[in-house]
Structure formats: structure tokens, C-alpha cells
């Protein structure tokens, strides 16, 4: 059995606004019931991979956690 390799978009150096838009897209997919996985990237902290439906990204956990905290504060 072979596993297809997923190509992830690297957004680690992208502007905060672009990251937030991507995180919002993933959040919307999760609300629709699409499962999401977040795993530490082989390069180590703080890089993580996020896979949700057809969205596959490489990002930093720090900006993701900041976005989640902001989302909780604003409802």
C-alpha cells in the first residue's frame, strides 16, 4: 500500500491577515463536521501541519494559538 504525499502550503512567513483567513477557512470546515488534524512538523517546534478537508498547510503553532485565543475573546 502506498500513501500519497500531501503538498502543504507553507504560510509560516505569510502576513498575519493571510494566516487568519486560512484559519477562518479551516474553522468553517470544522463547523461543517470535517475533521482536522494538527501535528508537529518534522522540523520541530513551532512548526505544525494542519490538514482539514482539501486544506493542507504548514504554519506555526504560536500564530494559530493567538488566533484561537482571539476567537474565544471575541466570540
PDB file of N, CA and C in Angstrom:
ATOM      1  N   UNK A   1       0.845  -1.183   0.000  1.00  0.00           N
ATOM      2  CA  UNK A   1       0.000   0.000   0.000  1.00  0.00           C
ATOM      3  C   UNK A   1       0.886   1.240   0.000  1.00  0.00           C
ATOM      4  N   UNK A   2       0.609   2.172  -0.870  1.00  0.00           N
ATOM      5  CA  UNK A   2       1.368   3.413  -0.922  1.00  0.00           C
ATOM      6  C   UNK A   2       0.508   4.556  -0.421  1.00  0.00           C
ATOM      7  N   UNK A   3       1.155   5.481   0.235  1.00  0.00           N
ATOM      8  CA  UNK A   3       0.456   6.646   0.758  1.00  0.00           C
ATOM      9  C   UNK A   3       0.841   7.849  -0.088  1.00  0.00           C
ATOM     10  N   UNK A   4      -0.156   8.548  -0.605  1.00  0.00           N
ATOM     11  CA  UNK A   4       0.102   9.744  -1.397  1.00  0.00           C
ATOM     12  C   UNK A   4       0.631  10.843  -0.483  1.00  0.00           C
ATOM     13  N   UNK A   5       1.636  11.515  -0.949  1.00  0.00           N
ATOM     14  CA  UNK A   5       2.207  12.606  -0.158  1.00  0.00           C
ATOM     15  C   UNK A   5       1.399  13.876  -0.393  1.00  0.00           C
ATOM     16  N   UNK A   6       1.022  14.516   0.681  1.00  0.00           N
ATOM     17  CA  UNK A   6       0.216  15.734   0.616  1.00  0.00           C
ATOM     18  C   UNK A   6       1.144  16.933   0.473  1.00  0.00           C
ATOM     19  N   UNK A   7       0.824  17.812  -0.455  1.00  0.00           N
ATOM     20  CA  UNK A   7       1.580  19.065  -0.599  1.00  0.00           C
ATOM     21  C   UNK A   7       0.911  20.120   0.265  1.00  0.00           C
ATOM     22  N   UNK A   8       1.657  20.648   1.200  1.00  0.00           N
ATOM     23  CA  UNK A   8       1.119  21.663   2.095  1.00  0.00           C
ATOM     24  C   UNK A   8       1.615  23.047   1.703  1.00  0.00           C
ATOM     25  N   UNK A   9       0.741  24.018   1.842  1.00  0.00           N
ATOM     26  CA  UNK A   9       1.124  25.403   1.597  1.00  0.00           C
ATOM     27  C   UNK A   9       1.805  25.924   2.863  1.00  0.00           C
ATOM     28  N   UNK A  10       3.005  26.430   2.708  1.00  0.00           N
ATOM     29  CA  UNK A  10       3.763  26.965   3.836  1.00  0.00           C
ATOM     30  C   UNK A  10       3.366  28.414   4.060  1.00  0.00           C
ATOM     31  N   UNK A  11       2.679  28.677   5.184  1.00  0.00           N
ATOM     32  CA  UNK A  11       2.234  30.044   5.484  1.00  0.00           C
ATOM     33  C   UNK A  11       2.966  30.627   6.687  1.00  0.00           C
ATOM     34  N   UNK A  12       4.038  29.978   7.118  1.00  0.00           N
ATOM     35  CA  UNK A  12       4.750  30.448   8.314  1.00  0.00           C
ATOM     36  C   UNK A  12       5.225  31.887   8.196  1.00  0.00           C
ATOM     37  N   UNK A  13       5.639  32.314   7.028  1.00  0.00           N
ATOM     38  CA  UNK A  13       6.148  33.668   6.856  1.00  0.00           C
ATOM     39  C   UNK A  13       5.121  34.609   6.227  1.00  0.00           C
ATOM     40  N   UNK A  14       3.906  34.138   6.067  1.00  0.00           N
ATOM     41  CA  UNK A  14       2.843  34.961   5.479  1.00  0.00           C
ATOM     42  C   UNK A  14       2.394  36.030   6.468  1.00  0.00           C
ATOM     43  N   UNK A  15       1.810  37.114   5.953  1.00  0.00           N
ATOM     44  CA  UNK A  15       1.277  38.158   6.846  1.00  0.00           C
ATOM     45  C   UNK A  15       0.179  37.585   7.753  1.00  0.00           C
ATOM     46  N   UNK A  16       0.014  38.193   8.904  1.00  0.00           N
ATOM     47  CA  UNK A  16      -0.981  37.740   9.884  1.00  0.00           C
ATOM     48  C   UNK A  16      -2.380  37.661   9.269  1.00  0.00           C
ATOM     49  N   UNK A  17      -2.723  38.615   8.404  1.00  0.00           N
ATOM     50  CA  UNK A  17      -4.060  38.634   7.796  1.00  0.00           C
ATOM     51  C   UNK A  17      -4.289  37.377   6.944  1.00  0.00           C
ATOM     52  N   UNK A  18      -3.266  36.967   6.200  1.00  0.00           N
ATOM     53  CA  UNK A  18      -3.402  35.765   5.373  1.00  0.00           C
ATOM     54  C   UNK A  18      -3.550  34.524   6.248  1.00  0.00           C
ATOM     55  N   UNK A  19      -2.777  34.468   7.314  1.00  0.00           N
ATOM     56  CA  UNK A  19      -2.895  33.331   8.233  1.00  0.00           C
ATOM     57  C   UNK A  19      -4.294  33.271   8.827  1.00  0.00           C
ATOM     58  N   UNK A  20      -4.797  34.429   9.273  1.00  0.00           N
ATOM     59  CA  UNK A  20      -6.123  34.461   9.882  1.00  0.00           C
ATOM     60  C   UNK A  20      -7.204  34.009   8.910  1.00  0.00           C
ATOM     61  N   UNK A  21      -7.105  34.412   7.660  1.00  0.00           N
ATOM     62  CA  UNK A  21      -8.086  33.981   6.656  1.00  0.00           C
ATOM     63  C   UNK A  21      -8.045  32.456   6.483  1.00  0.00           C
ATOM     64  N   UNK A  22      -6.860  31.902   6.475  1.00  0.00           N
ATOM     65  CA  UNK A  22      -6.715  30.450   6.350  1.00  0.00           C
ATOM     66  C   UNK A  22      -7.293  29.753   7.575  1.00  0.00           C
ATOM     67  N   UNK A  23      -6.997  30.282   8.753  1.00  0.00           N
ATOM     68  CA  UNK A  23      -7.532  29.697   9.985  1.00  0.00           C
ATOM     69  C   UNK A  23      -9.061  29.784  10.020  1.00  0.00           C
ATOM     70  N   UNK A  24      -9.609  30.895   9.534  1.00  0.00           N
ATOM     71  CA  UNK A  24     -11.071  31.035   9.471  1.00  0.00           C
ATOM     72  C   UNK A  24     -11.680  30.006   8.520  1.00  0.00           C
ATOM     73  N   UNK A  25     -11.019  29.775   7.386  1.00  0.00           N
ATOM     74  CA  UNK A  25     -11.489  28.772   6.434  1.00  0.00           C
ATOM     75  C   UNK A  25     -11.521  27.396   7.085  1.00  0.00           C
ATOM     76  N   UNK A  26     -10.450  27.048   7.774  1.00  0.00           N
ATOM     77  CA  UNK A  26     -10.385  25.751   8.454  1.00  0.00           C
ATOM     78  C   UNK A  26     -11.461  25.677   9.530  1.00  0.00           C
ATOM     79  N   UNK A  27     -11.651  26.748  10.289  1.00  0.00           N
ATOM     80  CA  UNK A  27     -12.672  26.775  11.336  1.00  0.00           C
ATOM     81  C   UNK A  27     -14.063  26.533  10.754  1.00  0.00           C
ATOM     82  N   UNK A  28     -14.332  27.133   9.612  1.00  0.00           N
ATOM     83  CA  UNK A  28     -15.619  26.907   8.955  1.00  0.00           C
ATOM     84  C   UNK A  28     -15.798  25.462   8.528  1.00  0.00           C
ATOM     85  N   UNK A  29     -14.744  24.843   8.035  1.00  0.00           N
ATOM     86  CA  UNK A  29     -14.817  23.435   7.649  1.00  0.00           C
ATOM     87  C   UNK A  29     -15.066  22.547   8.861  1.00  0.00           C
ATOM     88  N   UNK A  30     -14.420  22.866   9.971  1.00  0.00           N
ATOM     89  CA  UNK A  30     -14.620  22.108  11.208  1.00  0.00           C
ATOM     90  C   UNK A  30     -16.066  22.222  11.660  1.00  0.00           C
ATOM     91  N   UNK A  31     -16.636  23.434  11.558  1.00  0.00           N
ATOM     92  CA  UNK A  31     -18.039  23.627  11.944  1.00  0.00           C
ATOM     93  C   UNK A  31     -18.978  22.805  11.072  1.00  0.00           C
ATOM     94  N   UNK A  32     -18.545  22.481   9.851  1.00  0.00           N
ATOM     95  CA  UNK A  32     -19.346  21.626   8.969  1.00  0.00           C
ATOM     96  C   UNK A  32     -19.142  20.139   9.254  1.00  0.00           C
ATOM     97  N   UNK A  33     -18.286  19.839  10.225  1.00  0.00           N
ATOM     98  CA  UNK A  33     -18.057  18.452  10.618  1.00  0.00           C
ATOM     99  C   UNK A  33     -16.866  17.788   9.952  1.00  0.00           C
ATOM    100  N   UNK A  34     -16.062  18.553   9.252  1.00  0.00           N
ATOM    101  CA  UNK A  34     -14.888  17.984   8.602  1.00  0.00           C
ATOM    102  C   UNK A  34     -13.775  17.886   9.632  1.00  0.00           C
ATOM    103  N   UNK A  35     -13.204  16.699   9.797  1.00  0.00           N
ATOM    104  CA  UNK A  35     -12.167  16.535  10.819  1.00  0.00           C
ATOM    105  C   UNK A  35     -10.892  17.307  10.482  1.00  0.00           C
ATOM    106  N   UNK A  36     -10.211  17.735  11.534  1.00  0.00           N
ATOM    107  CA  UNK A  36      -8.948  18.463  11.383  1.00  0.00           C
ATOM    108  C   UNK A  36      -7.877  17.727  12.182  1.00  0.00           C
ATOM    109  N   UNK A  37      -6.668  17.684  11.624  1.00  0.00           N
ATOM    110  CA  UNK A  37      -5.542  17.135  12.357  1.00  0.00           C
ATOM    111  C   UNK A  37      -4.430  18.172  12.395  1.00  0.00           C
ATOM    112  N   UNK A  38      -3.830  18.289  13.569  1.00  0.00           N
ATOM    113  CA  UNK A  38      -2.702  19.192  13.767  1.00  0.00           C
ATOM    114  C   UNK A  38      -1.573  18.346  14.336  1.00  0.00           C
ATOM    115  N   UNK A  39      -0.430  18.360  13.648  1.00  0.00           N
ATOM    116  CA  UNK A  39       0.706  17.556  14.097  1.00  0.00           C
ATOM    117  C   UNK A  39       1.980  18.385  14.051  1.00  0.00           C
ATOM    118  N   UNK A  40       2.895  18.064  14.965  1.00  0.00           N
ATOM    119  CA  UNK A  40       4.196  18.726  14.942  1.00  0.00           C
ATOM    120  C   UNK A  40       4.902  18.352  13.650  1.00  0.00           C
ATOM    121  N   UNK A  41       5.466  19.338  12.993  1.00  0.00           N
ATOM    122  CA  UNK A  41       6.214  19.106  11.758  1.00  0.00           C
ATOM    123  C   UNK A  41       7.569  18.508  12.095  1.00  0.00           C
ATOM    124  N   UNK A  42       8.109  17.729  11.183  1.00  0.00           N
ATOM    125  CA  UNK A  42       9.393  17.059  11.425  1.00  0.00           C
ATOM    126  C   UNK A  42      10.533  18.032  11.699  1.00  0.00           C
ATOM    127  N   UNK A  43      10.372  19.302  11.292  1.00  0.00           N
ATOM    128  CA  UNK A  43      11.407  20.296  11.553  1.00  0.00           C
ATOM    129  C   UNK A  43      11.405  20.744  13.010  1.00  0.00           C
ATOM    130  N   UNK A  44      10.341  20.435  13.724  1.00  0.00           N
ATOM    131  CA  UNK A  44      10.278  20.741  15.150  1.00  0.00           C
ATOM    132  C   UNK A  44       9.489  21.990  15.489  1.00  0.00           C
ATOM    133  N   UNK A  45       9.441  22.295  16.784  1.00  0.00           N
ATOM    134  CA  UNK A  45       8.710  23.436  17.307  1.00  0.00           C
ATOM    135  C   UNK A  45       9.244  24.711  16.681  1.00  0.00           C
ATOM    136  N   UNK A  46       8.415  25.649  16.318  1.00  0.00           N
ATOM    137  CA  UNK A  46       6.972  25.717  16.497  1.00  0.00           C
ATOM    138  C   UNK A  46       6.175  25.317  15.261  1.00  0.00           C
ATOM    139  N   UNK A  47       6.803  24.640  14.296  1.00  0.00           N
ATOM    140  CA  UNK A  47       6.116  24.303  13.045  1.00  0.00           C
ATOM    141  C   UNK A  47       5.137  23.145  13.243  1.00  0.00           C
ATOM    142  N   UNK A  48       3.931  23.322  12.678  1.00  0.00           N
ATOM    143  CA  UNK A  48       2.913  22.279  12.717  1.00  0.00           C
ATOM    144  C   UNK A  48       2.260  22.146  11.345  1.00  0.00           C
ATOM    145  N   UNK A  49       1.777  20.955  11.080  1.00  0.00           N
ATOM    146  CA  UNK A  49       0.975  20.742   9.881  1.00  0.00           C
ATOM    147  C   UNK A  49      -0.490  20.712  10.300  1.00  0.00           C
ATOM    148  N   UNK A  50      -1.327  21.276   9.450  1.00  0.00           N
ATOM    149  CA  UNK A  50      -2.769  21.281   9.693  1.00  0.00           C
ATOM    150  C   UNK A  50      -3.432  20.761   8.430  1.00  0.00           C
ATOM    151  N   UNK A  51      -4.265  19.740   8.593  1.00  0.00           N
ATOM    152  CA  UNK A  51      -4.986  19.151   7.476  1.00  0.00           C
ATOM    153  C   UNK A  51      -6.469  19.120   7.807  1.00  0.00           C
ATOM    154  N   UNK A  52      -7.266  19.668   6.895  1.00  0.00           N
ATOM    155  CA  UNK A  52      -8.716  19.700   7.081  1.00  0.00           C
ATOM    156  C   UNK A  52      -9.350  19.705   5.703  1.00  0.00           C
ATOM    157  N   UNK A  53      -9.987  18.611   5.339  1.00  0.00           N
ATOM    158  CA  UNK A  53     -10.575  18.515   4.012  1.00  0.00           C
ATOM    159  C   UNK A  53      -9.502  18.673   2.958  1.00  0.00           C
ATOM    160  N   UNK A  54      -9.702  19.631   2.063  1.00  0.00           N
ATOM    161  CA  UNK A  54      -8.729  19.893   0.994  1.00  0.00           C
ATOM    162  C   UNK A  54      -7.694  20.949   1.373  1.00  0.00           C
ATOM    163  N   UNK A  55      -7.745  21.427   2.613  1.00  0.00           N
ATOM    164  CA  UNK A  55      -6.803  22.441   3.078  1.00  0.00           C
ATOM    165  C   UNK A  55      -5.657  21.743   3.805  1.00  0.00           C
ATOM    166  N   UNK A  56      -4.452  21.981   3.333  1.00  0.00           N
ATOM    167  CA  UNK A  56      -3.254  21.384   3.919  1.00  0.00           C
ATOM    168  C   UNK A  56      -2.206  22.483   4.031  1.00  0.00           C
ATOM    169  N   UNK A  57      -1.848  22.832   5.285  1.00  0.00           N
ATOM    170  CA  UNK A  57      -0.901  23.930   5.479  1.00  0.00           C
ATOM    171  C   UNK A  57       0.215  23.532   6.444  1.00  0.00           C
ATOM    172  N   UNK A  58       1.285  24.289   6.342  1.00  0.00           N
ATOM    173  CA  UNK A  58       2.374  24.258   7.305  1.00  0.00           C
ATOM    174  C   UNK A  58       2.398  25.646   7.917  1.00  0.00           C
ATOM    175  N   UNK A  59       2.250  25.712   9.227  1.00  0.00           N
ATOM    176  CA  UNK A  59       2.184  27.002   9.907  1.00  0.00           C
ATOM    177  C   UNK A  59       2.926  26.915  11.224  1.00  0.00           C
ATOM    178  N   UNK A  60       2.872  27.987  11.979  1.00  0.00           N
ATOM    179  CA  UNK A  60       3.498  27.975  13.301  1.00  0.00           C
ATOM    180  C   UNK A  60       2.413  27.916  14.360  1.00  0.00           C
ATOM    181  N   UNK A  61       2.655  27.121  15.382  1.00  0.00           N
ATOM    182  CA  UNK A  61       1.660  26.923  16.427  1.00  0.00           C
ATOM    183  C   UNK A  61       1.396  28.213  17.200  1.00  0.00           C
ATOM    184  N   UNK A  62       2.377  29.102  17.268  1.00  0.00           N
ATOM    185  CA  UNK A  62       2.200  30.336  18.032  1.00  0.00           C
ATOM    186  C   UNK A  62       1.117  31.222  17.433  1.00  0.00           C
ATOM    187  N   UNK A  63       1.144  31.422  16.110  1.00  0.00           N
ATOM    188  CA  UNK A  63       0.110  32.263  15.487  1.00  0.00           C
ATOM    189  C   UNK A  63      -1.247  31.570  15.526  1.00  0.00           C
ATOM    190  N   UNK A  64      -1.253  30.257  15.421  1.00  0.00           N
ATOM    191  CA  UNK A  64      -2.510  29.506  15.489  1.00  0.00           C
ATOM    192  C   UNK A  64      -3.129  29.641  16.877  1.00  0.00           C
ATOM    193  N   UNK A  65      -2.311  29.530  17.913  1.00  0.00           N
ATOM    194  CA  UNK A  65      -2.814  29.684  19.279  1.00  0.00           C
ATOM    195  C   UNK A  65      -3.286  31.119  19.538  1.00  0.00           C
ATOM    196  N   UNK A  66      -2.578  32.112  19.001  1.00  0.00           N
ATOM    197  CA  UNK A  66      -3.005  33.508  19.155  1.00  0.00           C
ATOM    198  C   UNK A  66      -4.354  33.720  18.489  1.00  0.00           C
ATOM    199  N   UNK A  67      -4.550  33.144  17.300  1.00  0.00           N
ATOM    200  CA  UNK A  67      -5.825  33.291  16.610  1.00  0.00           C
ATOM    201  C   UNK A  67      -6.952  32.633  17.408  1.00  0.00           C
ATOM    202  N   UNK A  68      -6.689  31.435  17.956  1.00  0.00           N
ATOM    203  CA  UNK A  68      -7.708  30.745  18.739  1.00  0.00           C
ATOM    204  C   UNK A  68      -8.085  31.557  19.979  1.00  0.00           C
ATOM    205  N   UNK A  69      -7.094  32.140  20.646  1.00  0.00           N
ATOM    206  CA  UNK A  69      -7.369  32.957  21.830  1.00  0.00           C
ATOM    207  C   UNK A  69      -8.197  34.189  21.457  1.00  0.00           C
ATOM    208  N   UNK A  70      -7.839  34.823  20.339  1.00  0.00           N
ATOM    209  CA  UNK A  70      -8.579  35.993  19.863  1.00  0.00           C
ATOM    210  C   UNK A  70     -10.013  35.608  19.540  1.00  0.00           C
ATOM    211  N   UNK A  71     -10.194  34.463  18.907  1.00  0.00           N
ATOM    212  CA  UNK A  71     -11.534  33.975  18.556  1.00  0.00           C
ATOM    213  C   UNK A  71     -12.381  33.744  19.817  1.00  0.00           C
ATOM    214  N   UNK A  72     -11.784  33.184  20.855  1.00  0.00           N
ATOM    215  CA  UNK A  72     -12.501  32.947  22.114  1.00  0.00           C
ATOM    216  C   UNK A  72     -12.920  34.265  22.764  1.00  0.00           C
ATOM    217  N   UNK A  73     -12.020  35.251  22.713  1.00  0.00           N
ATOM    218  CA  UNK A  73     -12.334  36.555  23.328  1.00  0.00           C
ATOM    219  C   UNK A  73     -13.465  37.273  22.606  1.00  0.00           C
ATOM    220  N   UNK A  74     -13.477  37.162  21.277  1.00  0.00           N
ATOM    221  CA  UNK A  74     -14.463  37.904  20.503  1.00  0.00           C
ATOM    222  C   UNK A  74     -15.745  37.116  20.257  1.00  0.00           C
ATOM    223  N   UNK A  75     -15.720  35.844  20.616  1.00  0.00           N
ATOM    224  CA  UNK A  75     -16.924  35.023  20.497  1.00  0.00           C
ATOM    225  C   UNK A  75     -17.039  34.486  19.154  1.00  0.00           C
TER     226      UNK A  75
END
